[in-house]
Amino acid sequence: MTTGQVPAGSTTQALEVVNLRDGHGLPLVLLHAFPLDHRMWASAVDAMPGDFTVLAPDLHGMGRAPDGPRTPGLEASADAVVSAVRAAGYDRAVVAGLSMGGYVAMAIAERHPGFVAGLGLLDTKSTADAPEARLNRLRVAHQVEAERDTTAVLGMVATLVGDTTRAEQPRIVPLVESWIRAQRADGVAWSQRAMAARPDRTHVIHDVAGPVLVLVGDEDVMSPVSAAEHMVVARRDAELVIVPGAGHLSAVERPAQVAEALADLVARASAH
């Protein structure tokens, strides 16, 4: 496992890129969900066919990543991911993100279109938060800062993990809980505020030069199938994959199916 970092003097906060697998050709950059870190991709990468490199940064404030800039915004994370991947030696990549990672992936596609050879949007949505959702994010951000721990977001596990997974793979629930407990309260708060501030980026999907994958668990209640279908309408040639028996964390719940879809995306981008 190797890492690459943003060079000194960068205008964005430096992110570390974890090399989950060495390979050839276009790399695949995986962006994690909230409130987790790059560890959520391990099982999917283990199951992934092909011989391409897989990189997975921790986003601002999560895992081993530094705090984000004073003004929260996913645009800063997008810029920092691209800088870190370029510092690791790659000028272009297939970029795939799940949930919050999908929001960052779309920001990358908007701000650095020449960097994105293919785009994977997993269990995410392209629209901005509704007013009530935005207010709830800001409320939770304030609460975790006041309490100085992540207890306020532990309840998310009930909606992150699908019913089938809880019944058939009960070990995943405490695993996800452990990942959430490991996060820093200030990083959780920063991420919530950054997500609350994001705009609608549906138009970005249409403009991506390479292939687009839209994937969703059929039991996802946070970014449901209807949200995936909305993105496919914006990009008629996007591949829509619905994963049976998976909730919001499809890559953790059904890693083999997600791995196959992502490997196919890399293959299509490489041939594009």
Protein backbone atom coordinates (compact mmCIF):
# COMPACT_ATOMS: atom_id res chain seq x y z
CA MET A 1 0.00 0.00 0.00
CA THR A 2 1.50 3.29 -1.10
CA THR A 3 0.37 6.88 -0.81
CA GLY A 4 0.62 10.14 -2.71
CA GLN A 5 0.11 13.61 -1.28
CA VAL A 6 -0.51 17.11 -2.56
CA PRO A 7 2.79 18.97 -2.99
CA ALA A 8 3.76 21.65 -0.50
CA GLY A 9 2.37 25.04 -1.39
CA SER A 10 -0.92 23.69 -2.77
CA THR A 11 -3.86 26.08 -2.42
CA THR A 12 -6.05 23.26 -1.07
CA GLN A 13 -5.67 21.20 2.06
CA ALA A 14 -3.44 18.20 1.29
CA LEU A 15 -5.11 14.80 1.01
CA GLU A 16 -3.42 11.43 1.18
CA VAL A 17 -4.23 8.90 -1.54
CA VAL A 18 -4.12 5.28 -0.44
CA ASN A 19 -3.13 2.84 -3.16
CA LEU A 20 -5.45 -0.13 -2.63
CA ARG A 21 -4.12 -2.04 -5.64
CA ASP A 22 -1.26 -1.63 -8.13
CA GLY A 23 -1.98 -2.12 -11.79
CA HIS A 24 -1.78 -0.66 -15.29
CA GLY A 25 -3.55 1.85 -17.47
CA LEU A 26 -6.24 4.20 -16.23
CA PRO A 27 -6.54 4.17 -12.44
CA LEU A 28 -9.84 3.98 -10.60
CA VAL A 29 -10.31 6.59 -7.87
CA LEU A 30 -12.87 5.60 -5.21
CA LEU A 31 -14.49 8.26 -3.01
CA HIS A 32 -16.11 7.08 0.20
CA ALA A 33 -19.49 7.73 1.79
CA PHE A 34 -20.30 9.83 4.85
CA PRO A 35 -19.51 9.36 7.72
CA LEU A 36 -16.90 6.75 6.77
CA ASP A 37 -13.45 6.62 5.15
CA HIS A 38 -11.52 4.68 2.51
CA ARG A 39 -11.78 1.41 4.45
CA MET A 40 -15.33 0.91 3.19
CA TRP A 41 -13.93 -0.06 -0.25
CA ALA A 42 -11.71 -2.95 0.89
CA SER A 43 -14.07 -5.84 0.14
CA ALA A 44 -15.08 -4.45 -3.26
CA VAL A 45 -11.45 -3.98 -4.28
CA ASP A 46 -10.62 -7.53 -3.16
CA ALA A 47 -13.40 -8.79 -5.44
CA MET A 48 -12.51 -6.58 -8.41
CA PRO A 49 -11.44 -8.22 -11.68
CA GLY A 50 -8.86 -6.59 -13.94
CA ASP A 51 -5.33 -5.30 -13.38
CA PHE A 52 -5.84 -1.54 -13.01
CA THR A 53 -4.62 0.61 -10.12
CA VAL A 54 -7.18 1.52 -7.45
CA LEU A 55 -6.71 4.70 -5.37
CA ALA A 56 -8.87 5.78 -2.43
CA PRO A 57 -8.36 9.05 -0.55
CA ASP A 58 -9.96 9.97 2.73
CA LEU A 59 -11.96 13.14 2.13
CA HIS A 60 -11.48 16.27 4.24
CA GLY A 61 -11.99 15.69 7.94
CA MET A 62 -12.63 11.95 7.60
CA GLY A 63 -10.31 9.05 8.35
CA ARG A 64 -6.70 10.18 8.15
CA ALA A 65 -7.44 13.31 6.12
CA PRO A 66 -6.68 16.80 7.41
CA ASP A 67 -9.40 19.27 8.26
CA GLY A 68 -11.03 21.07 5.38
CA PRO A 69 -10.71 24.81 4.74
CA ARG A 70 -12.47 27.26 7.03
CA THR A 71 -15.47 27.58 4.68
CA PRO A 72 -16.92 24.08 4.14
CA GLY A 73 -17.44 23.07 0.52
CA LEU A 74 -17.16 19.88 -1.49
CA GLU A 75 -15.40 21.88 -4.20
CA ALA A 76 -12.33 22.05 -1.96
CA SER A 77 -12.39 18.27 -1.58
CA ALA A 78 -12.75 17.87 -5.35
CA ASP A 79 -9.72 20.07 -6.04
CA ALA A 80 -7.68 18.31 -3.36
CA VAL A 81 -8.49 14.83 -4.72
CA VAL A 82 -7.39 15.80 -8.23
CA SER A 83 -4.18 17.40 -6.91
CA ALA A 84 -3.36 14.32 -4.83
CA VAL A 85 -3.98 11.87 -7.68
CA ARG A 86 -1.88 13.99 -10.03
CA ALA A 87 0.87 14.12 -7.41
CA ALA A 88 0.74 10.31 -7.37
CA GLY A 89 1.53 10.37 -11.10
CA TYR A 90 -1.83 10.19 -12.88
CA ASP A 91 -3.23 12.91 -15.16
CA ARG A 92 -6.55 11.17 -15.82
CA ALA A 93 -8.65 8.65 -13.94
CA VAL A 94 -12.00 6.93 -13.70
CA VAL A 95 -13.68 8.58 -10.71
CA ALA A 96 -16.38 6.78 -8.73
CA GLY A 97 -18.03 7.88 -5.51
CA LEU A 98 -20.69 6.53 -3.20
CA SER A 99 -23.12 8.91 -1.48
CA MET A 100 -21.00 11.91 -0.36
CA GLY A 101 -18.25 10.50 -2.56
CA GLY A 102 -20.64 10.79 -5.49
CA TYR A 103 -21.21 14.47 -4.69
CA VAL A 104 -17.44 15.01 -4.77
CA ALA A 105 -17.11 12.98 -7.98
CA MET A 106 -19.63 15.28 -9.70
CA ALA A 107 -17.77 18.34 -8.41
CA ILE A 108 -14.57 16.91 -9.91
CA ALA A 109 -16.31 16.34 -13.23
CA GLU A 110 -17.54 19.94 -13.21
CA ARG A 111 -14.27 21.59 -12.14
CA HIS A 112 -11.75 19.25 -13.81
CA PRO A 113 -13.50 17.73 -16.85
CA GLY A 114 -10.25 16.75 -18.57
CA PHE A 115 -9.26 14.65 -15.56
CA VAL A 116 -12.36 12.42 -15.64
CA ALA A 117 -12.11 9.51 -18.09
CA GLY A 118 -15.25 7.88 -16.70
CA LEU A 119 -17.70 8.62 -13.89
CA GLY A 120 -19.30 6.23 -11.40
CA LEU A 121 -22.19 7.48 -9.26
CA LEU A 122 -23.14 4.97 -6.58
CA ASP A 123 -26.06 5.37 -4.17
CA THR A 124 -25.98 9.13 -4.57
CA LYS A 125 -28.04 11.93 -6.05
CA SER A 126 -27.30 14.85 -8.33
CA THR A 127 -29.79 17.27 -6.77
CA ALA A 128 -29.21 19.72 -3.92
CA ASP A 129 -30.67 19.10 -0.47
CA ALA A 130 -34.27 20.04 0.12
CA PRO A 131 -34.57 22.84 2.73
CA GLU A 132 -35.51 20.47 5.56
CA ALA A 133 -32.62 18.12 4.78
CA ARG A 134 -30.20 21.03 4.68
CA LEU A 135 -31.40 22.32 8.05
CA ASN A 136 -31.04 18.84 9.54
CA ARG A 137 -27.43 18.62 8.34
CA LEU A 138 -26.64 21.96 9.98
CA ARG A 139 -28.35 20.85 13.19
CA VAL A 140 -26.33 17.63 13.30
CA ALA A 141 -23.10 19.54 12.58
CA HIS A 142 -23.77 21.78 15.57
CA GLN A 143 -24.65 18.80 17.77
CA VAL A 144 -21.53 16.74 17.06
CA GLU A 145 -19.35 19.78 17.69
CA ALA A 146 -21.11 20.51 20.98
CA GLU A 147 -20.89 16.88 22.12
CA ARG A 148 -17.38 16.37 20.70
CA ASP A 149 -18.14 12.87 19.44
CA THR A 150 -20.00 11.13 16.62
CA THR A 151 -22.87 9.68 18.64
CA ALA A 152 -25.33 11.94 16.84
CA VAL A 153 -24.66 10.17 13.52
CA LEU A 154 -24.49 6.59 14.81
CA GLY A 155 -28.22 6.29 14.23
CA MET A 156 -27.53 6.57 10.50
CA VAL A 157 -26.57 2.89 10.44
CA ALA A 158 -30.26 2.00 10.45
CA THR A 159 -30.67 3.69 7.07
CA LEU A 160 -27.19 3.11 5.66
CA VAL A 161 -27.53 -0.68 5.74
CA GLY A 162 -30.39 -2.45 3.98
CA ASP A 163 -32.87 -4.83 5.57
CA THR A 164 -31.52 -7.87 3.71
CA THR A 165 -27.97 -7.15 4.84
CA ARG A 166 -29.01 -6.74 8.46
CA ALA A 167 -30.78 -10.10 8.30
CA GLU A 168 -28.21 -12.07 6.30
CA GLN A 169 -24.91 -10.34 7.17
CA PRO A 170 -25.37 -9.03 10.73
CA ARG A 171 -21.61 -8.53 11.17
CA ILE A 172 -21.75 -5.52 8.82
CA VAL A 173 -23.79 -3.39 11.25
CA PRO A 174 -21.15 -3.32 14.05
CA LEU A 175 -18.43 -2.92 11.42
CA VAL A 176 -20.05 0.23 10.02
CA GLU A 177 -20.66 1.49 13.57
CA SER A 178 -16.95 1.07 14.35
CA TRP A 179 -16.02 3.11 11.28
CA ILE A 180 -18.36 5.89 12.35
CA ARG A 181 -17.06 5.91 15.94
CA ALA A 182 -13.53 6.31 14.57
CA GLN A 183 -14.31 9.63 12.87
CA ARG A 184 -13.56 13.05 14.35
CA ALA A 185 -16.47 15.21 15.43
CA ASP A 186 -15.09 18.29 13.70
CA GLY A 187 -14.65 16.37 10.47
CA VAL A 188 -18.21 15.08 10.63
CA ALA A 189 -19.47 18.62 11.22
CA TRP A 190 -17.41 20.02 8.33
CA SER A 191 -18.70 17.32 5.97
CA GLN A 192 -22.32 17.95 6.93
CA ARG A 193 -21.95 21.67 6.25
CA ALA A 194 -20.15 21.01 2.96
CA MET A 195 -22.92 18.69 1.78
CA ALA A 196 -25.59 21.17 2.86
CA ALA A 197 -23.98 23.81 0.65
CA ARG A 198 -23.75 21.73 -2.51
CA PRO A 199 -25.70 22.82 -5.62
CA ASP A 200 -27.70 20.73 -8.07
CA ARG A 201 -25.18 19.13 -10.46
CA THR A 202 -27.51 17.13 -12.66
CA HIS A 203 -26.25 19.01 -15.72
CA VAL A 204 -22.69 17.82 -15.04
CA ILE A 205 -23.61 14.20 -15.77
CA HIS A 206 -24.70 15.09 -19.29
CA ASP A 207 -21.37 16.76 -20.06
CA VAL A 208 -18.98 13.97 -18.96
CA ALA A 209 -16.86 12.97 -21.96
CA GLY A 210 -16.41 9.33 -20.95
CA PRO A 211 -18.82 6.57 -19.91
CA VAL A 212 -21.10 6.98 -16.89
CA LEU A 213 -22.24 4.31 -14.43
CA VAL A 214 -25.20 4.92 -12.13
CA LEU A 215 -25.53 2.20 -9.48
CA VAL A 216 -27.97 1.88 -6.60
CA GLY A 217 -29.04 -0.72 -4.07
CA ASP A 218 -32.69 -1.69 -4.48
CA GLU A 219 -33.20 -1.18 -0.72
CA ASP A 220 -31.49 2.23 -0.57
CA VAL A 221 -33.82 4.62 1.28
CA MET A 222 -31.36 7.53 1.44
CA SER A 223 -30.62 7.81 -2.30
CA PRO A 224 -33.37 5.61 -3.73
CA VAL A 225 -33.77 4.10 -7.17
CA SER A 226 -35.80 7.16 -8.22
CA ALA A 227 -32.73 9.37 -7.61
CA ALA A 228 -30.63 7.05 -9.79
CA GLU A 229 -33.27 7.13 -12.52
CA HIS A 230 -33.22 10.94 -12.40
CA MET A 231 -29.51 10.90 -13.19
CA VAL A 232 -29.96 8.42 -16.04
CA VAL A 233 -32.57 10.71 -17.59
CA ALA A 234 -29.88 13.40 -17.64
CA ARG A 235 -27.51 11.04 -19.42
CA ARG A 236 -29.40 8.62 -21.64
CA ASP A 237 -26.40 6.42 -22.42
CA ALA A 238 -25.47 5.97 -18.75
CA GLU A 239 -25.47 2.39 -17.51
CA LEU A 240 -27.98 1.84 -14.72
CA VAL A 241 -27.19 -1.02 -12.34
CA ILE A 242 -29.64 -1.89 -9.55
CA VAL A 243 -28.07 -4.17 -6.93
CA PRO A 244 -30.55 -6.60 -5.32
CA GLY A 245 -30.52 -6.90 -1.55
CA ALA A 246 -28.37 -3.81 -0.97
CA GLY A 247 -29.10 -0.62 0.91
CA HIS A 248 -27.18 2.65 0.78
CA LEU A 249 -23.75 1.06 1.31
CA SER A 250 -23.90 -1.21 -1.72
CA ALA A 251 -20.11 -1.52 -1.95
CA VAL A 252 -19.99 -2.88 1.61
CA GLU A 253 -23.16 -4.97 1.43
CA ARG A 254 -22.72 -6.51 -2.04
CA PRO A 255 -19.03 -5.95 -2.89
CA ALA A 256 -18.79 -8.53 -5.70
CA GLN A 257 -21.62 -6.99 -7.73
CA VAL A 258 -20.28 -3.47 -7.23
CA ALA A 259 -16.74 -4.59 -8.09
CA GLU A 260 -17.94 -6.09 -11.38
CA ALA A 261 -19.80 -2.91 -12.35
CA LEU A 262 -16.81 -0.69 -11.53
CA ALA A 263 -14.39 -2.93 -13.43
CA ASP A 264 -16.69 -2.75 -16.45
CA LEU A 265 -16.72 1.07 -16.16
CA VAL A 266 -12.91 1.14 -16.21
CA ALA A 267 -12.84 -1.17 -19.22
CA ARG A 268 -15.31 1.05 -21.11
CA ALA A 269 -13.37 4.19 -20.21
CA SER A 270 -10.11 2.61 -21.32
CA ALA A 271 -11.64 1.72 -24.68
CA HIS A 272 -13.37 5.10 -25.11
